[in-house]
Amino acid sequence: MLADFNENSSGGGIGGKLHLDVPRYTGLSPGSGPSTPTSTSGLSLSVNYLPSKFSSNILKSRTGKKSPGGAPEIAMPKQGGGLAAFKAGEQRIGGKKLKWTKFKWILLVANLALSLYSLGAMVLILLTWFDAWQNADIIRVANRPELIVSTIAASLGMLTSVIGWAGILLNNRMFLAIYSLMTWITFAFLVTPGYITYRKNTYNLEGKVNAQWSRNLGAMGRMRIQDQLSCCGYYSPYVEATVSQTCYARSILPGCKKPFWQYEEKILTRWFTITFAIVPAHLLVMLAALLCSNHVTYRFGKGMMPEAYRLNMGSMAVIMDQYAK
């Protein structure tokens, strides 16, 4: 289009020929590199953008407005802002009032939700690890795999939210691409403890508790559960009991099967309920990340100049020569 414009503008104007005679862009020259734009003359099409070169057709057009001296104003093409583009109050994106795109607001709300439930989950998990509430030690002994996976899920959620904040506040699309990927990884670790606890609670919980007490807990694990639940042995002090200051042969404490079973049923139900309640919110976060990460600013694509208009050394020489005249 610009080459056709040059062909029609070789006539009258200030100083004779006003435009460089640059032919149409035909692709890469045989001797140029894989990313060197050139035309048949070896020049970039960007030489058509010399700000002091305009055709007679443009110079003859009028805006209809009058200048302070009374003469009609010339309709000159809008040029680049240069240093003036960085002045205070200059419009850069979306006008004077609209600063953020609606997609960026959606990302902000979604990442805020991710930060809140990840932080809340991490607080609950840390309180469990530090034995900060009653019977928390039972979870550390009897539900250790679920607790470890939940810790990883909460940690990944917090890490993902930090990457999301960096991408949102810095308008960095690379960070937001990593953020979108991390939401999927976090989702996998989020549903894993929910599935484990649901399956354990739903399918023969009593048999799992029996096998855990007799095979998996060990002497120290049984003693810690006995101390927490104030019981002795599994059915009685004579059946699979660990001797301690409160648990011995003639102890009057009841067996641990019923309180241990009831506690496991209660904690597993709460565990998968909370986990699966977070899943819909996390799915919305994943959807927002996929749809909005590439629209955090008003820029289209990567904001790179088309290859046909990138400057090379020959084009720079022609431009500098024209400015020198």
C-alpha atoms as a PDB file:
ATOM      1  CA  MET A   1       0.000   0.000   0.000  1.00  0.00           C
ATOM      2  CA  LEU A   2       2.815   2.417   0.878  1.00  0.00           C
ATOM      3  CA  ALA A   3       4.659   1.565  -2.329  1.00  0.00           C
ATOM      4  CA  ASP A   4       1.542   2.525  -4.346  1.00  0.00           C
ATOM      5  CA  PHE A   5       1.370   5.706  -2.340  1.00  0.00           C
ATOM      6  CA  ASN A   6       4.935   6.569  -3.403  1.00  0.00           C
ATOM      7  CA  GLU A   7       4.190   6.017  -7.077  1.00  0.00           C
ATOM      8  CA  ASN A   8       1.363   8.577  -6.948  1.00  0.00           C
ATOM      9  CA  SER A   9       3.352  11.179  -5.048  1.00  0.00           C
ATOM     10  CA  SER A  10       6.413  11.860  -7.170  1.00  0.00           C
ATOM     11  CA  GLY A  11       5.161  15.286  -8.261  1.00  0.00           C
ATOM     12  CA  GLY A  12       4.898  18.691  -6.710  1.00  0.00           C
ATOM     13  CA  GLY A  13       5.917  19.394  -3.191  1.00  0.00           C
ATOM     14  CA  ILE A  14       8.547  21.127  -1.242  1.00  0.00           C
ATOM     15  CA  GLY A  15      11.958  20.338  -2.675  1.00  0.00           C
ATOM     16  CA  GLY A  16      10.856  18.201  -5.606  1.00  0.00           C
ATOM     17  CA  LYS A  17      10.496  14.481  -4.877  1.00  0.00           C
ATOM     18  CA  LEU A  18       9.001  14.019  -1.457  1.00  0.00           C
ATOM     19  CA  HIS A  19       9.041  10.240  -1.002  1.00  0.00           C
ATOM     20  CA  LEU A  20      11.682   7.596  -1.343  1.00  0.00           C
ATOM     21  CA  ASP A  21      11.116   5.321  -4.290  1.00  0.00           C
ATOM     22  CA  VAL A  22      10.871   2.082  -2.318  1.00  0.00           C
ATOM     23  CA  PRO A  23       9.474  -0.922  -4.215  1.00  0.00           C
ATOM     24  CA  ARG A  24       6.985  -3.406  -2.790  1.00  0.00           C
ATOM     25  CA  TYR A  25       8.099  -5.848  -0.152  1.00  0.00           C
ATOM     26  CA  THR A  26       8.775  -9.247  -1.725  1.00  0.00           C
ATOM     27  CA  GLY A  27      10.208 -11.173   1.182  1.00  0.00           C
ATOM     28  CA  LEU A  28      13.699 -11.917   2.444  1.00  0.00           C
ATOM     29  CA  SER A  29      16.672 -11.287   0.258  1.00  0.00           C
ATOM     30  CA  PRO A  30      18.796 -14.342  -0.658  1.00  0.00           C
ATOM     31  CA  GLY A  31      21.832 -13.209   1.313  1.00  0.00           C
ATOM     32  CA  SER A  32      20.010 -11.891   4.375  1.00  0.00           C
ATOM     33  CA  GLY A  33      19.526 -13.708   7.643  1.00  0.00           C
ATOM     34  CA  PRO A  34      16.369 -15.539   8.581  1.00  0.00           C
ATOM     35  CA  SER A  35      14.868 -12.464  10.282  1.00  0.00           C
ATOM     36  CA  THR A  36      16.199  -9.616   8.076  1.00  0.00           C
ATOM     37  CA  PRO A  37      13.298  -7.834   6.335  1.00  0.00           C
ATOM     38  CA  THR A  38      14.052  -6.410   2.925  1.00  0.00           C
ATOM     39  CA  SER A  39      12.509  -5.498  -0.400  1.00  0.00           C
ATOM     40  CA  THR A  40      13.810  -6.007  -3.924  1.00  0.00           C
ATOM     41  CA  SER A  41      16.114  -3.022  -3.389  1.00  0.00           C
ATOM     42  CA  GLY A  42      17.363  -4.330  -0.041  1.00  0.00           C
ATOM     43  CA  LEU A  43      15.569  -1.590   1.939  1.00  0.00           C
ATOM     44  CA  SER A  44      13.004  -1.964   4.695  1.00  0.00           C
ATOM     45  CA  LEU A  45       9.526  -0.612   4.043  1.00  0.00           C
ATOM     46  CA  SER A  46       9.907   1.488   7.196  1.00  0.00           C
ATOM     47  CA  VAL A  47      11.577   4.200   5.097  1.00  0.00           C
ATOM     48  CA  ASN A  48       8.053   5.245   4.069  1.00  0.00           C
ATOM     49  CA  TYR A  49       7.531   6.551   7.589  1.00  0.00           C
ATOM     50  CA  LEU A  50       9.864   9.561   7.331  1.00  0.00           C
ATOM     51  CA  PRO A  51       7.949  12.231   9.274  1.00  0.00           C
ATOM     52  CA  SER A  52       9.080  15.114   7.017  1.00  0.00           C
ATOM     53  CA  LYS A  53       8.034  13.467   3.760  1.00  0.00           C
ATOM     54  CA  PHE A  54       4.423  13.880   2.636  1.00  0.00           C
ATOM     55  CA  SER A  55       2.815  13.716  -0.784  1.00  0.00           C
ATOM     56  CA  SER A  56       1.203  16.648  -2.502  1.00  0.00           C
ATOM     57  CA  ASN A  57      -2.219  15.021  -2.079  1.00  0.00           C
ATOM     58  CA  ILE A  58      -1.900  15.154   1.698  1.00  0.00           C
ATOM     59  CA  LEU A  59      -0.470  18.669   1.679  1.00  0.00           C
ATOM     60  CA  LYS A  60      -3.392  19.934  -0.422  1.00  0.00           C
ATOM     61  CA  SER A  61      -6.078  18.499   1.915  1.00  0.00           C
ATOM     62  CA  ARG A  62      -7.580  20.833   4.492  1.00  0.00           C
ATOM     63  CA  THR A  63      -9.246  20.175   7.818  1.00  0.00           C
ATOM     64  CA  GLY A  64     -11.862  22.920   7.541  1.00  0.00           C
ATOM     65  CA  LYS A  65     -10.570  24.509  10.758  1.00  0.00           C
ATOM     66  CA  LYS A  66      -8.762  27.808  10.806  1.00  0.00           C
ATOM     67  CA  SER A  67      -5.435  28.474  12.418  1.00  0.00           C
ATOM     68  CA  PRO A  68      -4.917  31.550  14.645  1.00  0.00           C
ATOM     69  CA  GLY A  69      -3.680  33.478  11.577  1.00  0.00           C
ATOM     70  CA  GLY A  70      -6.906  32.846   9.666  1.00  0.00           C
ATOM     71  CA  ALA A  71      -5.590  30.288   7.156  1.00  0.00           C
ATOM     72  CA  PRO A  72      -7.123  26.812   6.975  1.00  0.00           C
ATOM     73  CA  GLU A  73      -5.169  24.138   8.834  1.00  0.00           C
ATOM     74  CA  ILE A  74      -3.424  21.381   6.879  1.00  0.00           C
ATOM     75  CA  ALA A  75      -4.576  17.827   7.690  1.00  0.00           C
ATOM     76  CA  MET A  76      -1.227  16.356   8.590  1.00  0.00           C
ATOM     77  CA  PRO A  77      -0.984  12.670   9.543  1.00  0.00           C
ATOM     78  CA  LYS A  78      -0.628  11.996  13.260  1.00  0.00           C
ATOM     79  CA  GLN A  79       3.032  11.392  14.056  1.00  0.00           C
ATOM     80  CA  GLY A  80       4.646   9.471  16.886  1.00  0.00           C
ATOM     81  CA  GLY A  81       4.654  11.175  20.244  1.00  0.00           C
ATOM     82  CA  GLY A  82       8.412  10.881  20.851  1.00  0.00           C
ATOM     83  CA  LEU A  83       9.322  12.116  24.313  1.00  0.00           C
ATOM     84  CA  ALA A  84       5.948  13.842  24.584  1.00  0.00           C
ATOM     85  CA  ALA A  85       4.314  10.417  24.903  1.00  0.00           C
ATOM     86  CA  PHE A  86       5.814  10.117  28.398  1.00  0.00           C
ATOM     87  CA  LYS A  87       4.400  13.395  29.706  1.00  0.00           C
ATOM     88  CA  ALA A  88       2.157  13.341  32.748  1.00  0.00           C
ATOM     89  CA  GLY A  89      -1.481  13.058  31.788  1.00  0.00           C
ATOM     90  CA  GLU A  90      -0.865  11.579  28.357  1.00  0.00           C
ATOM     91  CA  GLN A  91      -3.342   8.885  27.321  1.00  0.00           C
ATOM     92  CA  ARG A  92      -1.660   5.533  26.905  1.00  0.00           C
ATOM     93  CA  ILE A  93      -4.290   2.823  27.351  1.00  0.00           C
ATOM     94  CA  GLY A  94      -8.026   2.974  27.438  1.00  0.00           C
ATOM     95  CA  GLY A  95      -8.453   6.746  27.715  1.00  0.00           C
ATOM     96  CA  LYS A  96      -8.299   8.990  30.769  1.00  0.00           C
ATOM     97  CA  LYS A  97     -10.530   7.075  33.175  1.00  0.00           C
ATOM     98  CA  LEU A  98     -10.297   3.428  32.113  1.00  0.00           C
ATOM     99  CA  LYS A  99      -6.884   2.164  33.231  1.00  0.00           C
ATOM    100  CA  TRP A 100      -7.345  -1.610  33.361  1.00  0.00           C
ATOM    101  CA  THR A 101      -9.070  -3.946  30.965  1.00  0.00           C
ATOM    102  CA  LYS A 102     -12.070  -5.912  32.193  1.00  0.00           C
ATOM    103  CA  PHE A 103     -10.009  -9.077  31.715  1.00  0.00           C
ATOM    104  CA  LYS A 104      -7.430  -7.745  34.154  1.00  0.00           C
ATOM    105  CA  TRP A 105     -10.153  -7.100  36.722  1.00  0.00           C
ATOM    106  CA  ILE A 106     -11.400 -10.674  36.286  1.00  0.00           C
ATOM    107  CA  LEU A 107      -7.859 -11.957  36.827  1.00  0.00           C
ATOM    108  CA  LEU A 108      -7.536  -9.768  39.912  1.00  0.00           C
ATOM    109  CA  VAL A 109     -10.718 -11.162  41.502  1.00  0.00           C
ATOM    110  CA  ALA A 110      -9.835 -14.749  40.557  1.00  0.00           C
ATOM    111  CA  ASN A 111      -6.316 -14.514  41.937  1.00  0.00           C
ATOM    112  CA  LEU A 112      -7.600 -12.853  45.108  1.00  0.00           C
ATOM    113  CA  ALA A 113      -9.911 -15.831  45.651  1.00  0.00           C
ATOM    114  CA  LEU A 114      -7.013 -18.234  45.003  1.00  0.00           C
ATOM    115  CA  SER A 115      -4.855 -16.363  47.512  1.00  0.00           C
ATOM    116  CA  LEU A 116      -7.545 -16.402  50.186  1.00  0.00           C
ATOM    117  CA  TYR A 117      -8.439 -20.088  50.133  1.00  0.00           C
ATOM    118  CA  SER A 118      -4.808 -21.152  49.684  1.00  0.00           C
ATOM    119  CA  LEU A 119      -3.757 -19.038  52.659  1.00  0.00           C
ATOM    120  CA  GLY A 120      -6.668 -20.325  54.753  1.00  0.00           C
ATOM    121  CA  ALA A 121      -5.824 -23.933  53.914  1.00  0.00           C
ATOM    122  CA  MET A 122      -2.167 -23.354  54.757  1.00  0.00           C
ATOM    123  CA  VAL A 123      -3.074 -21.859  58.146  1.00  0.00           C
ATOM    124  CA  LEU A 124      -5.240 -24.885  59.026  1.00  0.00           C
ATOM    125  CA  ILE A 125      -2.550 -27.317  57.888  1.00  0.00           C
ATOM    126  CA  LEU A 126       0.193 -25.569  59.838  1.00  0.00           C
ATOM    127  CA  LEU A 127      -1.948 -25.568  62.976  1.00  0.00           C
ATOM    128  CA  THR A 128      -2.363 -29.307  62.491  1.00  0.00           C
ATOM    129  CA  TRP A 129       1.351 -29.907  61.996  1.00  0.00           C
ATOM    130  CA  PHE A 130       2.150 -27.892  65.133  1.00  0.00           C
ATOM    131  CA  ASP A 131      -0.515 -29.766  67.156  1.00  0.00           C
ATOM    132  CA  ALA A 132      -2.275 -26.500  67.953  1.00  0.00           C
ATOM    133  CA  TRP A 133      -5.729 -27.938  68.604  1.00  0.00           C
ATOM    134  CA  GLN A 134      -7.242 -30.898  70.362  1.00  0.00           C
ATOM    135  CA  ASN A 135      -6.594 -34.322  68.829  1.00  0.00           C
ATOM    136  CA  ALA A 136      -4.506 -32.842  66.002  1.00  0.00           C
ATOM    137  CA  ASP A 137      -1.827 -35.423  66.764  1.00  0.00           C
ATOM    138  CA  ILE A 138      -4.213 -38.183  65.627  1.00  0.00           C
ATOM    139  CA  ILE A 139      -4.262 -36.644  62.147  1.00  0.00           C
ATOM    140  CA  ARG A 140      -0.466 -36.471  62.111  1.00  0.00           C
ATOM    141  CA  VAL A 141      -0.303 -40.191  62.971  1.00  0.00           C
ATOM    142  CA  ALA A 142      -3.294 -41.758  61.219  1.00  0.00           C
ATOM    143  CA  ASN A 143      -3.745 -39.402  58.225  1.00  0.00           C
ATOM    144  CA  ARG A 144      -0.185 -38.437  57.423  1.00  0.00           C
ATOM    145  CA  PRO A 145      -0.309 -39.089  53.611  1.00  0.00           C
ATOM    146  CA  GLU A 146      -3.423 -36.937  53.212  1.00  0.00           C
ATOM    147  CA  LEU A 147      -1.860 -34.211  55.325  1.00  0.00           C
ATOM    148  CA  ILE A 148       1.344 -34.188  53.264  1.00  0.00           C
ATOM    149  CA  VAL A 149      -0.542 -33.952  49.950  1.00  0.00           C
ATOM    150  CA  SER A 150      -2.751 -31.181  51.350  1.00  0.00           C
ATOM    151  CA  THR A 151       0.373 -29.277  52.433  1.00  0.00           C
ATOM    152  CA  ILE A 152       1.799 -29.538  48.921  1.00  0.00           C
ATOM    153  CA  ALA A 153      -1.523 -28.381  47.423  1.00  0.00           C
ATOM    154  CA  ALA A 154      -1.723 -25.333  49.714  1.00  0.00           C
ATOM    155  CA  SER A 155       1.920 -24.462  49.038  1.00  0.00           C
ATOM    156  CA  LEU A 156       1.407 -24.693  45.283  1.00  0.00           C
ATOM    157  CA  GLY A 157      -1.715 -22.559  45.583  1.00  0.00           C
ATOM    158  CA  MET A 158       0.180 -19.830  47.413  1.00  0.00           C
ATOM    159  CA  LEU A 159       3.084 -19.993  44.944  1.00  0.00           C
ATOM    160  CA  THR A 160       0.657 -19.810  42.019  1.00  0.00           C
ATOM    161  CA  SER A 161      -1.083 -16.781  43.509  1.00  0.00           C
ATOM    162  CA  VAL A 162       2.258 -14.985  43.972  1.00  0.00           C
ATOM    163  CA  ILE A 163       3.123 -15.604  40.312  1.00  0.00           C
ATOM    164  CA  GLY A 164      -0.343 -14.368  39.400  1.00  0.00           C
ATOM    165  CA  TRP A 165       0.098 -11.144  41.364  1.00  0.00           C
ATOM    166  CA  ALA A 166       3.434 -10.546  39.640  1.00  0.00           C
ATOM    167  CA  GLY A 167       1.883 -11.051  36.204  1.00  0.00           C
ATOM    168  CA  ILE A 168      -1.185  -8.914  36.942  1.00  0.00           C
ATOM    169  CA  LEU A 169       0.594  -5.961  38.529  1.00  0.00           C
ATOM    170  CA  LEU A 170       3.505  -5.963  36.056  1.00  0.00           C
ATOM    171  CA  ASN A 171       1.364  -6.745  32.984  1.00  0.00           C
ATOM    172  CA  ASN A 172       3.749  -9.615  32.285  1.00  0.00           C
ATOM    173  CA  ARG A 173       2.181 -12.167  29.968  1.00  0.00           C
ATOM    174  CA  MET A 174       4.974 -14.683  30.479  1.00  0.00           C
ATOM    175  CA  PHE A 175       4.229 -14.771  34.219  1.00  0.00           C
ATOM    176  CA  LEU A 176       0.542 -15.138  33.455  1.00  0.00           C
ATOM    177  CA  ALA A 177       1.243 -18.043  31.094  1.00  0.00           C
ATOM    178  CA  ILE A 178       3.159 -19.779  33.913  1.00  0.00           C
ATOM    179  CA  TYR A 179       0.289 -18.858  36.233  1.00  0.00           C
ATOM    180  CA  SER A 180      -2.221 -20.595  33.930  1.00  0.00           C
ATOM    181  CA  LEU A 181      -0.095 -23.748  33.881  1.00  0.00           C
ATOM    182  CA  MET A 182       0.376 -23.706  37.649  1.00  0.00           C
ATOM    183  CA  THR A 183      -3.377 -23.538  38.263  1.00  0.00           C
ATOM    184  CA  TRP A 184      -3.715 -26.952  36.574  1.00  0.00           C
ATOM    185  CA  ILE A 185      -0.928 -28.460  38.666  1.00  0.00           C
ATOM    186  CA  THR A 186      -2.500 -26.999  41.813  1.00  0.00           C
ATOM    187  CA  PHE A 187      -5.854 -28.471  40.805  1.00  0.00           C
ATOM    188  CA  ALA A 188      -4.325 -31.953  40.547  1.00  0.00           C
ATOM    189  CA  PHE A 189      -2.884 -31.719  44.066  1.00  0.00           C
ATOM    190  CA  LEU A 190      -6.113 -30.173  45.348  1.00  0.00           C
ATOM    191  CA  VAL A 191      -8.422 -33.021  44.349  1.00  0.00           C
ATOM    192  CA  THR A 192      -5.965 -35.768  45.384  1.00  0.00           C
ATOM    193  CA  PRO A 193      -6.474 -35.524  49.186  1.00  0.00           C
ATOM    194  CA  GLY A 194     -10.219 -35.109  48.622  1.00  0.00           C
ATOM    195  CA  TYR A 195     -10.347 -38.320  46.616  1.00  0.00           C
ATOM    196  CA  ILE A 196      -8.187 -40.208  49.130  1.00  0.00           C
ATOM    197  CA  THR A 197     -10.260 -39.151  52.136  1.00  0.00           C
ATOM    198  CA  TYR A 198     -13.581 -39.752  50.337  1.00  0.00           C
ATOM    199  CA  ARG A 199     -12.573 -43.250  49.260  1.00  0.00           C
ATOM    200  CA  LYS A 200     -11.227 -44.119  52.709  1.00  0.00           C
ATOM    201  CA  ASN A 201     -14.376 -42.877  54.431  1.00  0.00           C
ATOM    202  CA  THR A 202     -16.870 -44.406  52.009  1.00  0.00           C
ATOM    203  CA  TYR A 203     -15.516 -47.898  51.396  1.00  0.00           C
ATOM    204  CA  ASN A 204     -15.167 -50.076  54.517  1.00  0.00           C
ATOM    205  CA  LEU A 205     -13.784 -47.499  56.929  1.00  0.00           C
ATOM    206  CA  GLU A 206     -13.998 -49.999  59.795  1.00  0.00           C
ATOM    207  CA  GLY A 207     -11.775 -52.509  57.995  1.00  0.00           C
ATOM    208  CA  LYS A 208      -9.250 -49.790  57.168  1.00  0.00           C
ATOM    209  CA  VAL A 209      -9.162 -48.639  60.787  1.00  0.00           C
ATOM    210  CA  ASN A 210      -8.662 -52.229  61.980  1.00  0.00           C
ATOM    211  CA  ALA A 211      -5.784 -52.805  59.556  1.00  0.00           C
ATOM    212  CA  GLN A 212      -4.207 -49.482  60.382  1.00  0.00           C
ATOM    213  CA  TRP A 213      -4.207 -50.135  64.109  1.00  0.00           C
ATOM    214  CA  SER A 214      -2.757 -53.635  63.856  1.00  0.00           C
ATOM    215  CA  ARG A 215      -0.275 -53.176  60.974  1.00  0.00           C
ATOM    216  CA  ASN A 216       0.583 -49.548  60.182  1.00  0.00           C
ATOM    217  CA  LEU A 217       0.611 -47.454  63.337  1.00  0.00           C
ATOM    218  CA  GLY A 218       3.253 -49.256  65.335  1.00  0.00           C
ATOM    219  CA  ALA A 219       3.780 -49.056  69.075  1.00  0.00           C
ATOM    220  CA  MET A 220       4.500 -45.333  69.174  1.00  0.00           C
ATOM    221  CA  GLY A 221       1.545 -44.470  66.927  1.00  0.00           C
ATOM    222  CA  ARG A 222      -0.861 -46.509  69.061  1.00  0.00           C
ATOM    223  CA  MET A 223       0.451 -44.880  72.230  1.00  0.00           C
ATOM    224  CA  ARG A 224      -0.037 -41.363  70.814  1.00  0.00           C
ATOM    225  CA  ILE A 225      -3.642 -42.166  69.830  1.00  0.00           C
ATOM    226  CA  GLN A 226      -4.297 -43.726  73.261  1.00  0.00           C
ATOM    227  CA  ASP A 227      -3.053 -40.577  74.945  1.00  0.00           C
ATOM    228  CA  GLN A 228      -5.191 -38.316  72.735  1.00  0.00           C
ATOM    229  CA  LEU A 229      -8.425 -40.313  73.056  1.00  0.00           C
ATOM    230  CA  SER A 230      -7.913 -41.419  76.706  1.00  0.00           C
ATOM    231  CA  CYS A 231      -8.303 -45.089  75.817  1.00  0.00           C
ATOM    232  CA  CYS A 232      -6.241 -48.265  76.217  1.00  0.00           C
ATOM    233  CA  GLY A 233      -5.776 -51.054  73.667  1.00  0.00           C
ATOM    234  CA  TYR A 234      -7.971 -51.633  70.675  1.00  0.00           C
ATOM    235  CA  TYR A 235     -10.843 -53.574  72.240  1.00  0.00           C
ATOM    236  CA  SER A 236      -9.479 -53.638  75.809  1.00  0.00           C
ATOM    237  CA  PRO A 237      -6.137 -53.200  77.616  1.00  0.00           C
ATOM    238  CA  TYR A 238      -5.350 -56.808  76.691  1.00  0.00           C
ATOM    239  CA  VAL A 239      -5.666 -56.433  72.889  1.00  0.00           C
ATOM    240  CA  GLU A 240      -2.891 -54.668  70.937  1.00  0.00           C
ATOM    241  CA  ALA A 241      -2.215 -52.084  73.641  1.00  0.00           C
ATOM    242  CA  THR A 242       0.954 -50.071  74.087  1.00  0.00           C
ATOM    243  CA  VAL A 243       1.939 -49.817  77.745  1.00  0.00           C
ATOM    244  CA  SER A 244       2.196 -46.262  79.038  1.00  0.00           C
ATOM    245  CA  GLN A 245       1.559 -44.362  82.275  1.00  0.00           C
ATOM    246  CA  THR A 246      -2.191 -44.443  81.671  1.00  0.00           C
ATOM    247  CA  CYS A 247      -2.507 -47.728  79.764  1.00  0.00           C
ATOM    248  CA  TYR A 248      -1.584 -50.971  81.525  1.00  0.00           C
ATOM    249  CA  ALA A 249      -3.108 -54.404  82.196  1.00  0.00           C
ATOM    250  CA  ARG A 250      -5.500 -53.355  84.944  1.00  0.00           C
ATOM    251  CA  SER A 251      -6.442 -49.987  83.435  1.00  0.00           C
ATOM    252  CA  ILE A 252     -10.127 -49.058  83.524  1.00  0.00           C
ATOM    253  CA  LEU A 253      -9.904 -47.037  80.301  1.00  0.00           C
ATOM    254  CA  PRO A 254     -12.105 -48.244  77.417  1.00  0.00           C
ATOM    255  CA  GLY A 255     -10.785 -49.631  74.145  1.00  0.00           C
ATOM    256  CA  CYS A 256      -9.790 -47.291  71.322  1.00  0.00           C
ATOM    257  CA  LYS A 257     -11.716 -48.820  68.427  1.00  0.00           C
ATOM    258  CA  LYS A 258     -14.985 -46.891  68.834  1.00  0.00           C
ATOM    259  CA  PRO A 259     -13.555 -43.393  69.573  1.00  0.00           C
ATOM    260  CA  PHE A 260     -10.840 -43.831  66.938  1.00  0.00           C
ATOM    261  CA  TRP A 261     -13.350 -44.974  64.323  1.00  0.00           C
ATOM    262  CA  GLN A 262     -15.763 -42.130  65.127  1.00  0.00           C
ATOM    263  CA  TYR A 263     -12.993 -39.540  65.026  1.00  0.00           C
ATOM    264  CA  GLU A 264     -11.716 -40.808  61.665  1.00  0.00           C
ATOM    265  CA  GLU A 265     -15.219 -40.763  60.211  1.00  0.00           C
ATOM    266  CA  LYS A 266     -15.775 -37.187  61.388  1.00  0.00           C
ATOM    267  CA  ILE A 267     -12.408 -35.789  60.244  1.00  0.00           C
ATOM    268  CA  LEU A 268     -12.443 -37.566  56.859  1.00  0.00           C
ATOM    269  CA  THR A 269     -15.953 -36.278  56.112  1.00  0.00           C
ATOM    270  CA  ARG A 270     -14.918 -32.711  56.901  1.00  0.00           C
ATOM    271  CA  TRP A 271     -11.729 -33.123  54.897  1.00  0.00           C
ATOM    272  CA  PHE A 272     -13.246 -34.157  51.565  1.00  0.00           C
ATOM    273  CA  THR A 273     -16.207 -31.792  52.029  1.00  0.00           C
ATOM    274  CA  ILE A 274     -13.928 -28.756  52.341  1.00  0.00           C
ATOM    275  CA  THR A 275     -11.714 -29.978  49.500  1.00  0.00           C
ATOM    276  CA  PHE A 276     -14.548 -30.546  47.047  1.00  0.00           C
ATOM    277  CA  ALA A 277     -16.135 -27.227  48.063  1.00  0.00           C
ATOM    278  CA  ILE A 278     -12.976 -25.439  46.870  1.00  0.00           C
ATOM    279  CA  VAL A 279     -12.950 -27.258  43.515  1.00  0.00           C
ATOM    280  CA  PRO A 280     -15.666 -25.125  41.781  1.00  0.00           C
ATOM    281  CA  ALA A 281     -13.908 -21.907  42.799  1.00  0.00           C
ATOM    282  CA  HIS A 282     -10.594 -23.245  41.533  1.00  0.00           C
ATOM    283  CA  LEU A 283     -12.174 -24.269  38.227  1.00  0.00           C
ATOM    284  CA  LEU A 284     -13.333 -20.665  37.781  1.00  0.00           C
ATOM    285  CA  VAL A 285      -9.797 -19.480  38.536  1.00  0.00           C
ATOM    286  CA  MET A 286      -8.425 -21.839  35.890  1.00  0.00           C
ATOM    287  CA  LEU A 287     -10.998 -20.634  33.354  1.00  0.00           C
ATOM    288  CA  ALA A 288     -10.226 -16.981  34.092  1.00  0.00           C
ATOM    289  CA  ALA A 289      -6.491 -17.625  33.742  1.00  0.00           C
ATOM    290  CA  LEU A 290      -6.942 -19.359  30.383  1.00  0.00           C
ATOM    291  CA  LEU A 291      -9.266 -16.746  28.880  1.00  0.00           C
ATOM    292  CA  CYS A 292      -7.867 -13.522  30.337  1.00  0.00           C
ATOM    293  CA  SER A 293      -4.095 -13.969  30.667  1.00  0.00           C
ATOM    294  CA  ASN A 294      -3.396 -12.757  27.133  1.00  0.00           C
ATOM    295  CA  HIS A 295      -5.626  -9.672  27.493  1.00  0.00           C
ATOM    296  CA  VAL A 296      -4.153  -8.076  30.588  1.00  0.00           C
ATOM    297  CA  THR A 297      -3.367  -4.938  28.510  1.00  0.00           C
ATOM    298  CA  TYR A 298      -4.830  -3.343  25.396  1.00  0.00           C
ATOM    299  CA  ARG A 299      -1.826  -4.420  23.325  1.00  0.00           C
ATOM    300  CA  PHE A 300      -2.547  -6.915  20.562  1.00  0.00           C
ATOM    301  CA  GLY A 301      -0.218  -9.891  20.248  1.00  0.00           C
ATOM    302  CA  LYS A 302       3.402  -9.356  21.239  1.00  0.00           C
ATOM    303  CA  GLY A 303       3.475  -5.698  20.167  1.00  0.00           C
ATOM    304  CA  MET A 304       6.301  -6.374  17.708  1.00  0.00           C
ATOM    305  CA  MET A 305       6.752  -4.419  14.480  1.00  0.00           C
ATOM    306  CA  PRO A 306       5.933  -6.489  11.369  1.00  0.00           C
ATOM    307  CA  GLU A 307       8.977  -8.019   9.771  1.00  0.00           C
ATOM    308  CA  ALA A 308       8.605  -6.069   6.535  1.00  0.00           C
ATOM    309  CA  TYR A 309       8.984  -2.770   8.408  1.00  0.00           C
ATOM    310  CA  ARG A 310      11.938  -3.543  10.659  1.00  0.00           C
ATOM    311  CA  LEU A 311      14.968  -1.376  10.061  1.00  0.00           C
ATOM    312  CA  ASN A 312      18.220  -2.694   8.641  1.00  0.00           C
ATOM    313  CA  MET A 313      21.539  -0.942   8.049  1.00  0.00           C
ATOM    314  CA  GLY A 314      20.741  -0.028   4.448  1.00  0.00           C
ATOM    315  CA  SER A 315      17.418   1.540   5.398  1.00  0.00           C
ATOM    316  CA  MET A 316      19.032   3.522   8.209  1.00  0.00           C
ATOM    317  CA  ALA A 317      21.606   4.889   5.761  1.00  0.00           C
ATOM    318  CA  VAL A 318      18.865   6.066   3.384  1.00  0.00           C
ATOM    319  CA  ILE A 319      16.881   7.687   6.208  1.00  0.00           C
ATOM    320  CA  MET A 320      19.899   9.517   7.607  1.00  0.00           C
ATOM    321  CA  ASP A 321      20.828  10.682   4.098  1.00  0.00           C
ATOM    322  CA  GLN A 322      17.330  12.131   3.595  1.00  0.00           C
ATOM    323  CA  TYR A 323      17.443  13.915   6.940  1.00  0.00           C
ATOM    324  CA  ALA A 324      20.825  15.382   6.066  1.00  0.00           C
ATOM    325  CA  LYS A 325      19.496  17.006   2.872  1.00  0.00           C
END
